[in-house]
PDB file of N, CA and C in Angstrom:
ATOM      1  N   UNK A   1      56.865 -99.799 115.503  1.00  0.00           N
ATOM      2  CA  UNK A   1      55.582-100.390 115.814  1.00  0.00           C
ATOM      3  C   UNK A   1      55.150 -99.954 117.215  1.00  0.00           C
ATOM      4  N   UNK A   2      53.916 -99.564 117.386  1.00  0.00           N
ATOM      5  CA  UNK A   2      53.451 -99.151 118.703  1.00  0.00           C
ATOM      6  C   UNK A   2      52.907-100.352 119.459  1.00  0.00           C
ATOM      7  N   UNK A   3      53.029-100.239 120.766  1.00  0.00           N
ATOM      8  CA  UNK A   3      52.527-101.326 121.608  1.00  0.00           C
ATOM      9  C   UNK A   3      51.030-101.150 121.806  1.00  0.00           C
ATOM     10  N   UNK A   4      50.333-102.245 121.743  1.00  0.00           N
ATOM     11  CA  UNK A   4      48.899-102.203 122.017  1.00  0.00           C
ATOM     12  C   UNK A   4      48.674-102.646 123.444  1.00  0.00           C
ATOM     13  N   UNK A   5      47.819-101.929 124.134  1.00  0.00           N
ATOM     14  CA  UNK A   5      47.471-102.330 125.491  1.00  0.00           C
ATOM     15  C   UNK A   5      45.997-102.648 125.527  1.00  0.00           C
ATOM     16  N   UNK A   6      45.675-103.662 126.237  1.00  0.00           N
ATOM     17  CA  UNK A   6      44.277-104.042 126.383  1.00  0.00           C
ATOM     18  C   UNK A   6      43.776-103.536 127.722  1.00  0.00           C
ATOM     19  N   UNK A   7      42.582-102.988 127.699  1.00  0.00           N
ATOM     20  CA  UNK A   7      41.966-102.535 128.937  1.00  0.00           C
ATOM     21  C   UNK A   7      41.541-103.752 129.731  1.00  0.00           C
ATOM     22  N   UNK A   8      41.733-103.693 131.056  1.00  0.00           N
ATOM     23  CA  UNK A   8      41.294-104.831 131.867  1.00  0.00           C
ATOM     24  C   UNK A   8      39.784-104.969 131.798  1.00  0.00           C
ATOM     25  N   UNK A   9      39.338-106.178 131.806  1.00  0.00           N
ATOM     26  CA  UNK A   9      37.898-106.407 131.767  1.00  0.00           C
ATOM     27  C   UNK A   9      37.347-106.388 133.177  1.00  0.00           C
ATOM     28  N   UNK A  10      36.167-105.829 133.303  1.00  0.00           N
ATOM     29  CA  UNK A  10      35.515-105.772 134.603  1.00  0.00           C
ATOM     30  C   UNK A  10      34.958-107.145 134.942  1.00  0.00           C
ATOM     31  N   UNK A  11      35.032-107.522 136.209  1.00  0.00           N
ATOM     32  CA  UNK A  11      34.459-108.812 136.584  1.00  0.00           C
ATOM     33  C   UNK A  11      32.955-108.792 136.394  1.00  0.00           C
ATOM     34  N   UNK A  12      32.420-109.914 136.019  1.00  0.00           N
ATOM     35  CA  UNK A  12      30.980-109.997 135.821  1.00  0.00           C
ATOM     36  C   UNK A  12      30.282-110.011 137.170  1.00  0.00           C
ATOM     37  N   UNK A  13      29.131-109.378 137.203  1.00  0.00           N
ATOM     38  CA  UNK A  13      28.342-109.361 138.425  1.00  0.00           C
ATOM     39  C   UNK A  13      27.790-110.760 138.683  1.00  0.00           C
ATOM     40  N   UNK A  14      27.685-111.125 139.947  1.00  0.00           N
ATOM     41  CA  UNK A  14      27.123-112.449 140.234  1.00  0.00           C
ATOM     42  C   UNK A  14      25.691-112.539 139.727  1.00  0.00           C
ATOM     43  N   UNK A  15      25.323-113.714 139.301  1.00  0.00           N
ATOM     44  CA  UNK A  15      23.977-113.923 138.771  1.00  0.00           C
ATOM     45  C   UNK A  15      22.955-113.789 139.898  1.00  0.00           C
ATOM     46  N   UNK A  16      21.949-112.978 139.654  1.00  0.00           N
ATOM     47  CA  UNK A  16      20.858-112.831 140.611  1.00  0.00           C
ATOM     48  C   UNK A  16      19.555-112.992 139.844  1.00  0.00           C
ATOM     49  N   UNK A  17      18.476-113.124 140.570  1.00  0.00           N
ATOM     50  CA  UNK A  17      17.176-113.260 139.924  1.00  0.00           C
ATOM     51  C   UNK A  17      16.889-112.033 139.066  1.00  0.00           C
ATOM     52  N   UNK A  18      17.290-110.846 139.567  1.00  0.00           N
ATOM     53  CA  UNK A  18      17.053-109.616 138.808  1.00  0.00           C
ATOM     54  C   UNK A  18      17.846-109.634 137.507  1.00  0.00           C
ATOM     55  N   UNK A  19      19.115-110.045 137.575  1.00  0.00           N
ATOM     56  CA  UNK A  19      19.950-110.080 136.378  1.00  0.00           C
ATOM     57  C   UNK A  19      19.454-111.127 135.390  1.00  0.00           C
ATOM     58  N   UNK A  20      18.978-112.255 135.882  1.00  0.00           N
ATOM     59  CA  UNK A  20      18.522-113.321 134.995  1.00  0.00           C
ATOM     60  C   UNK A  20      17.237-112.949 134.283  1.00  0.00           C
ATOM     61  N   UNK A  21      16.388-112.154 134.939  1.00  0.00           N
ATOM     62  CA  UNK A  21      15.128-111.764 134.324  1.00  0.00           C
ATOM     63  C   UNK A  21      15.306-110.617 133.340  1.00  0.00           C
ATOM     64  N   UNK A  22      16.388-109.867 133.467  1.00  0.00           N
ATOM     65  CA  UNK A  22      16.612-108.722 132.592  1.00  0.00           C
ATOM     66  C   UNK A  22      16.878-109.197 131.169  1.00  0.00           C
ATOM     67  N   UNK A  23      16.194-108.566 130.256  1.00  0.00           N
ATOM     68  CA  UNK A  23      16.409-108.878 128.852  1.00  0.00           C
ATOM     69  C   UNK A  23      16.617-107.589 128.090  1.00  0.00           C
ATOM     70  N   UNK A  24      17.267-107.667 126.970  1.00  0.00           N
ATOM     71  CA  UNK A  24      17.469-106.474 126.158  1.00  0.00           C
ATOM     72  C   UNK A  24      18.497-105.552 126.775  1.00  0.00           C
ATOM     73  N   UNK A  25      18.304-104.269 126.568  1.00  0.00           N
ATOM     74  CA  UNK A  25      19.276-103.267 126.996  1.00  0.00           C
ATOM     75  C   UNK A  25      18.837-102.562 128.267  1.00  0.00           C
ATOM     76  N   UNK A  26      18.627-103.297 129.322  1.00  0.00           N
ATOM     77  CA  UNK A  26      18.215-102.713 130.589  1.00  0.00           C
ATOM     78  C   UNK A  26      19.434-102.395 131.441  1.00  0.00           C
ATOM     79  N   UNK A  27      19.368-101.304 132.175  1.00  0.00           N
ATOM     80  CA  UNK A  27      20.418-100.937 133.117  1.00  0.00           C
ATOM     81  C   UNK A  27      19.885-101.071 134.524  1.00  0.00           C
ATOM     82  N   UNK A  28      20.702-101.589 135.405  1.00  0.00           N
ATOM     83  CA  UNK A  28      20.328-101.705 136.808  1.00  0.00           C
ATOM     84  C   UNK A  28      21.159-100.718 137.612  1.00  0.00           C
ATOM     85  N   UNK A  29      20.810-100.549 138.866  1.00  0.00           N
ATOM     86  CA  UNK A  29      21.582 -99.695 139.756  1.00  0.00           C
ATOM     87  C   UNK A  29      23.000-100.248 139.877  1.00  0.00           C
ATOM     88  N   UNK A  30      23.140-101.557 139.873  1.00  0.00           N
ATOM     89  CA  UNK A  30      24.478-102.176 139.934  1.00  0.00           C
ATOM     90  C   UNK A  30      25.294-101.812 138.698  1.00  0.00           C
ATOM     91  N   UNK A  31      24.653-101.759 137.536  1.00  0.00           N
ATOM     92  CA  UNK A  31      25.347-101.355 136.316  1.00  0.00           C
ATOM     93  C   UNK A  31      25.849 -99.915 136.435  1.00  0.00           C
ATOM     94  N   UNK A  32      25.016 -99.040 136.983  1.00  0.00           N
ATOM     95  CA  UNK A  32      25.402 -97.641 137.138  1.00  0.00           C
ATOM     96  C   UNK A  32      26.533 -97.495 138.147  1.00  0.00           C
ATOM     97  N   UNK A  33      26.508 -98.278 139.214  1.00  0.00           N
ATOM     98  CA  UNK A  33      27.601 -98.257 140.191  1.00  0.00           C
ATOM     99  C   UNK A  33      28.900 -98.744 139.544  1.00  0.00           C
ATOM    100  N   UNK A  34      28.789 -99.740 138.678  1.00  0.00           N
ATOM    101  CA  UNK A  34      29.968-100.238 137.964  1.00  0.00           C
ATOM    102  C   UNK A  34      30.519 -99.164 137.030  1.00  0.00           C
ATOM    103  N   UNK A  35      29.642 -98.419 136.362  1.00  0.00           N
ATOM    104  CA  UNK A  35      30.083 -97.324 135.499  1.00  0.00           C
ATOM    105  C   UNK A  35      30.830 -96.256 136.298  1.00  0.00           C
ATOM    106  N   UNK A  36      30.348 -95.973 137.493  1.00  0.00           N
ATOM    107  CA  UNK A  36      31.010 -95.002 138.357  1.00  0.00           C
ATOM    108  C   UNK A  36      32.420 -95.486 138.690  1.00  0.00           C
ATOM    109  N   UNK A  37      32.555 -96.758 139.004  1.00  0.00           N
ATOM    110  CA  UNK A  37      33.872 -97.326 139.305  1.00  0.00           C
ATOM    111  C   UNK A  37      34.779 -97.292 138.073  1.00  0.00           C
ATOM    112  N   UNK A  38      34.227 -97.538 136.913  1.00  0.00           N
ATOM    113  CA  UNK A  38      35.004 -97.487 135.670  1.00  0.00           C
ATOM    114  C   UNK A  38      35.538 -96.073 135.437  1.00  0.00           C
ATOM    115  N   UNK A  39      34.708 -95.069 135.670  1.00  0.00           N
ATOM    116  CA  UNK A  39      35.153 -93.684 135.509  1.00  0.00           C
ATOM    117  C   UNK A  39      36.268 -93.380 136.510  1.00  0.00           C
ATOM    118  N   UNK A  40      36.108 -93.854 137.756  1.00  0.00           N
ATOM    119  CA  UNK A  40      37.152 -93.650 138.765  1.00  0.00           C
ATOM    120  C   UNK A  40      38.491 -94.214 138.294  1.00  0.00           C
ATOM    121  N   UNK A  41      38.483 -95.455 137.862  1.00  0.00           N
ATOM    122  CA  UNK A  41      39.709 -96.124 137.430  1.00  0.00           C
ATOM    123  C   UNK A  41      40.307 -95.432 136.205  1.00  0.00           C
ATOM    124  N   UNK A  42      39.458 -95.119 135.237  1.00  0.00           N
ATOM    125  CA  UNK A  42      39.941 -94.484 134.007  1.00  0.00           C
ATOM    126  C   UNK A  42      40.562 -93.124 134.298  1.00  0.00           C
ATOM    127  N   UNK A  43      39.968 -92.347 135.182  1.00  0.00           N
ATOM    128  CA  UNK A  43      40.514 -91.025 135.488  1.00  0.00           C
ATOM    129  C   UNK A  43      41.827 -91.144 136.260  1.00  0.00           C
ATOM    130  N   UNK A  44      41.926 -92.133 137.141  1.00  0.00           N
ATOM    131  CA  UNK A  44      43.173 -92.345 137.880  1.00  0.00           C
ATOM    132  C   UNK A  44      44.314 -92.748 136.948  1.00  0.00           C
ATOM    133  N   UNK A  45      43.984 -93.411 135.867  1.00  0.00           N
ATOM    134  CA  UNK A  45      44.994 -93.872 134.915  1.00  0.00           C
ATOM    135  C   UNK A  45      45.281 -92.847 133.819  1.00  0.00           C
ATOM    136  N   UNK A  46      44.643 -91.700 133.884  1.00  0.00           N
ATOM    137  CA  UNK A  46      44.898 -90.648 132.906  1.00  0.00           C
ATOM    138  C   UNK A  46      44.343 -90.946 131.528  1.00  0.00           C
ATOM    139  N   UNK A  47      43.220 -91.631 131.485  1.00  0.00           N
ATOM    140  CA  UNK A  47      42.616 -92.025 130.213  1.00  0.00           C
ATOM    141  C   UNK A  47      42.009 -90.853 129.453  1.00  0.00           C
ATOM    142  N   UNK A  48      41.500 -89.879 130.172  1.00  0.00           N
ATOM    143  CA  UNK A  48      40.783 -88.789 129.534  1.00  0.00           C
ATOM    144  C   UNK A  48      41.715 -87.631 129.187  1.00  0.00           C
ATOM    145  N   UNK A  49      41.458 -87.001 128.044  1.00  0.00           N
ATOM    146  CA  UNK A  49      42.215 -85.827 127.615  1.00  0.00           C
ATOM    147  C   UNK A  49      41.720 -84.626 128.416  1.00  0.00           C
ATOM    148  N   UNK A  50      42.555 -83.606 128.586  1.00  0.00           N
ATOM    149  CA  UNK A  50      42.135 -82.443 129.370  1.00  0.00           C
ATOM    150  C   UNK A  50      40.821 -81.819 128.902  1.00  0.00           C
ATOM    151  N   UNK A  51      40.598 -81.755 127.586  1.00  0.00           N
ATOM    152  CA  UNK A  51      39.361 -81.136 127.103  1.00  0.00           C
ATOM    153  C   UNK A  51      38.135 -82.014 127.345  1.00  0.00           C
ATOM    154  N   UNK A  52      38.322 -83.241 127.745  1.00  0.00           N
ATOM    155  CA  UNK A  52      37.205 -84.156 128.048  1.00  0.00           C
ATOM    156  C   UNK A  52      36.861 -84.165 129.534  1.00  0.00           C
ATOM    157  N   UNK A  53      37.726 -83.615 130.355  1.00  0.00           N
ATOM    158  CA  UNK A  53      37.567 -83.708 131.807  1.00  0.00           C
ATOM    159  C   UNK A  53      36.273 -83.064 132.318  1.00  0.00           C
ATOM    160  N   UNK A  54      35.883 -81.939 131.747  1.00  0.00           N
ATOM    161  CA  UNK A  54      34.669 -81.263 132.219  1.00  0.00           C
ATOM    162  C   UNK A  54      33.452 -82.153 131.998  1.00  0.00           C
ATOM    163  N   UNK A  55      33.328 -82.692 130.803  1.00  0.00           N
ATOM    164  CA  UNK A  55      32.185 -83.551 130.489  1.00  0.00           C
ATOM    165  C   UNK A  55      32.183 -84.808 131.357  1.00  0.00           C
ATOM    166  N   UNK A  56      33.337 -85.412 131.517  1.00  0.00           N
ATOM    167  CA  UNK A  56      33.446 -86.607 132.350  1.00  0.00           C
ATOM    168  C   UNK A  56      33.082 -86.266 133.790  1.00  0.00           C
ATOM    169  N   UNK A  57      33.588 -85.152 134.285  1.00  0.00           N
ATOM    170  CA  UNK A  57      33.298 -84.739 135.658  1.00  0.00           C
ATOM    171  C   UNK A  57      31.824 -84.441 135.891  1.00  0.00           C
ATOM    172  N   UNK A  58      31.202 -83.772 134.944  1.00  0.00           N
ATOM    173  CA  UNK A  58      29.774 -83.457 135.077  1.00  0.00           C
ATOM    174  C   UNK A  58      28.943 -84.732 135.063  1.00  0.00           C
ATOM    175  N   UNK A  59      29.271 -85.638 134.174  1.00  0.00           N
ATOM    176  CA  UNK A  59      28.547 -86.901 134.088  1.00  0.00           C
ATOM    177  C   UNK A  59      28.741 -87.714 135.357  1.00  0.00           C
ATOM    178  N   UNK A  60      29.967 -87.734 135.853  1.00  0.00           N
ATOM    179  CA  UNK A  60      30.280 -88.463 137.084  1.00  0.00           C
ATOM    180  C   UNK A  60      29.485 -87.893 138.260  1.00  0.00           C
ATOM    181  N   UNK A  61      29.422 -86.567 138.362  1.00  0.00           N
ATOM    182  CA  UNK A  61      28.690 -85.920 139.453  1.00  0.00           C
ATOM    183  C   UNK A  61      27.201 -86.269 139.400  1.00  0.00           C
ATOM    184  N   UNK A  62      26.622 -86.276 138.189  1.00  0.00           N
ATOM    185  CA  UNK A  62      25.205 -86.643 138.041  1.00  0.00           C
ATOM    186  C   UNK A  62      24.983 -88.097 138.455  1.00  0.00           C
ATOM    187  N   UNK A  63      25.875 -88.961 138.024  1.00  0.00           N
ATOM    188  CA  UNK A  63      25.768 -90.380 138.346  1.00  0.00           C
ATOM    189  C   UNK A  63      25.893 -90.604 139.847  1.00  0.00           C
ATOM    190  N   UNK A  64      26.840 -89.927 140.462  1.00  0.00           N
ATOM    191  CA  UNK A  64      27.052 -90.052 141.904  1.00  0.00           C
ATOM    192  C   UNK A  64      25.825 -89.567 142.683  1.00  0.00           C
ATOM    193  N   UNK A  65      25.242 -88.436 142.269  1.00  0.00           N
ATOM    194  CA  UNK A  65      24.044 -87.903 142.933  1.00  0.00           C
ATOM    195  C   UNK A  65      22.860 -88.853 142.766  1.00  0.00           C
ATOM    196  N   UNK A  66      22.701 -89.408 141.572  1.00  0.00           N
ATOM    197  CA  UNK A  66      21.608 -90.344 141.315  1.00  0.00           C
ATOM    198  C   UNK A  66      21.742 -91.575 142.198  1.00  0.00           C
ATOM    199  N   UNK A  67      22.948 -92.128 142.271  1.00  0.00           N
ATOM    200  CA  UNK A  67      23.170 -93.321 143.098  1.00  0.00           C
ATOM    201  C   UNK A  67      22.945 -93.023 144.579  1.00  0.00           C
ATOM    202  N   UNK A  68      23.308 -91.820 145.025  1.00  0.00           N
ATOM    203  CA  UNK A  68      23.071 -91.427 146.417  1.00  0.00           C
ATOM    204  C   UNK A  68      21.573 -91.343 146.708  1.00  0.00           C
ATOM    205  N   UNK A  69      20.798 -90.809 145.755  1.00  0.00           N
ATOM    206  CA  UNK A  69      19.340 -90.735 145.924  1.00  0.00           C
ATOM    207  C   UNK A  69      18.731 -92.128 146.006  1.00  0.00           C
ATOM    208  N   UNK A  70      19.188 -93.025 145.148  1.00  0.00           N
ATOM    209  CA  UNK A  70      18.686 -94.400 145.156  1.00  0.00           C
ATOM    210  C   UNK A  70      18.995 -95.071 146.491  1.00  0.00           C
ATOM    211  N   UNK A  71      20.228 -94.884 146.967  1.00  0.00           N
ATOM    212  CA  UNK A  71      20.624 -95.496 148.234  1.00  0.00           C
ATOM    213  C   UNK A  71      19.784 -94.943 149.386  1.00  0.00           C
ATOM    214  N   UNK A  72      19.552 -93.630 149.392  1.00  0.00           N
ATOM    215  CA  UNK A  72      18.740 -93.016 150.440  1.00  0.00           C
ATOM    216  C   UNK A  72      17.309 -93.546 150.391  1.00  0.00           C
ATOM    217  N   UNK A  73      16.763 -93.699 149.196  1.00  0.00           N
ATOM    218  CA  UNK A  73      15.399 -94.223 149.058  1.00  0.00           C
ATOM    219  C   UNK A  73      15.323 -95.676 149.539  1.00  0.00           C
ATOM    220  N   UNK A  74      16.355 -96.473 149.234  1.00  0.00           N
ATOM    221  CA  UNK A  74      16.375 -97.861 149.679  1.00  0.00           C
ATOM    222  C   UNK A  74      16.470 -97.943 151.207  1.00  0.00           C
ATOM    223  N   UNK A  75      17.293 -97.073 151.803  1.00  0.00           N
ATOM    224  CA  UNK A  75      17.415 -97.068 153.254  1.00  0.00           C
ATOM    225  C   UNK A  75      16.116 -96.627 153.925  1.00  0.00           C
ATOM    226  N   UNK A  76      15.432 -95.650 153.318  1.00  0.00           N
ATOM    227  CA  UNK A  76      14.153 -95.198 153.855  1.00  0.00           C
ATOM    228  C   UNK A  76      13.119 -96.314 153.778  1.00  0.00           C
ATOM    229  N   UNK A  77      13.115 -97.066 152.681  1.00  0.00           N
ATOM    230  CA  UNK A  77      12.169 -98.161 152.537  1.00  0.00           C
ATOM    231  C   UNK A  77      12.461 -99.270 153.552  1.00  0.00           C
ATOM    232  N   UNK A  78      13.741 -99.538 153.793  1.00  0.00           N
ATOM    233  CA  UNK A  78      14.102-100.553 154.789  1.00  0.00           C
ATOM    234  C   UNK A  78      13.701-100.108 156.191  1.00  0.00           C
ATOM    235  N   UNK A  79      13.850 -98.818 156.481  1.00  0.00           N
ATOM    236  CA  UNK A  79      13.481 -98.288 157.786  1.00  0.00           C
ATOM    237  C   UNK A  79      11.973 -98.401 157.983  1.00  0.00           C
ATOM    238  N   UNK A  80      11.192 -98.086 156.950  1.00  0.00           N
ATOM    239  CA  UNK A  80       9.735 -98.188 157.040  1.00  0.00           C
ATOM    240  C   UNK A  80       9.280 -99.624 157.249  1.00  0.00           C
ATOM    241  N   UNK A  81       9.945-100.553 156.580  1.00  0.00           N
ATOM    242  CA  UNK A  81       9.573-101.954 156.722  1.00  0.00           C
ATOM    243  C   UNK A  81       9.936-102.485 158.097  1.00  0.00           C
ATOM    244  N   UNK A  82      11.018-101.983 158.672  1.00  0.00           N
ATOM    245  CA  UNK A  82      11.470-102.445 159.984  1.00  0.00           C
ATOM    246  C   UNK A  82      10.681-101.828 161.128  1.00  0.00           C
ATOM    247  N   UNK A  83       9.992-100.716 160.886  1.00  0.00           N
ATOM    248  CA  UNK A  83       9.273-100.016 161.956  1.00  0.00           C
ATOM    249  C   UNK A  83       7.918-100.574 162.185  1.00  0.00           C
TER     250      UNK A  83
END
């Protein structure tokens, strides 16, 4: 008999006004950041097969670049509001 292992569950994000108003299948920047962390953990644990690594890596790179753009835009908006 093989042993079954359960994947750890990610902690739920704290409730915010944005999360409470979201309905249906909406993704937030926080959701995308959580996905990035999930990929990090999964790759560290050797979850992906060698032939899957390229696709996972390309997707991770796109996600990382997108999140960096969002962060830069948020910082620019904060700078404009503070000036």
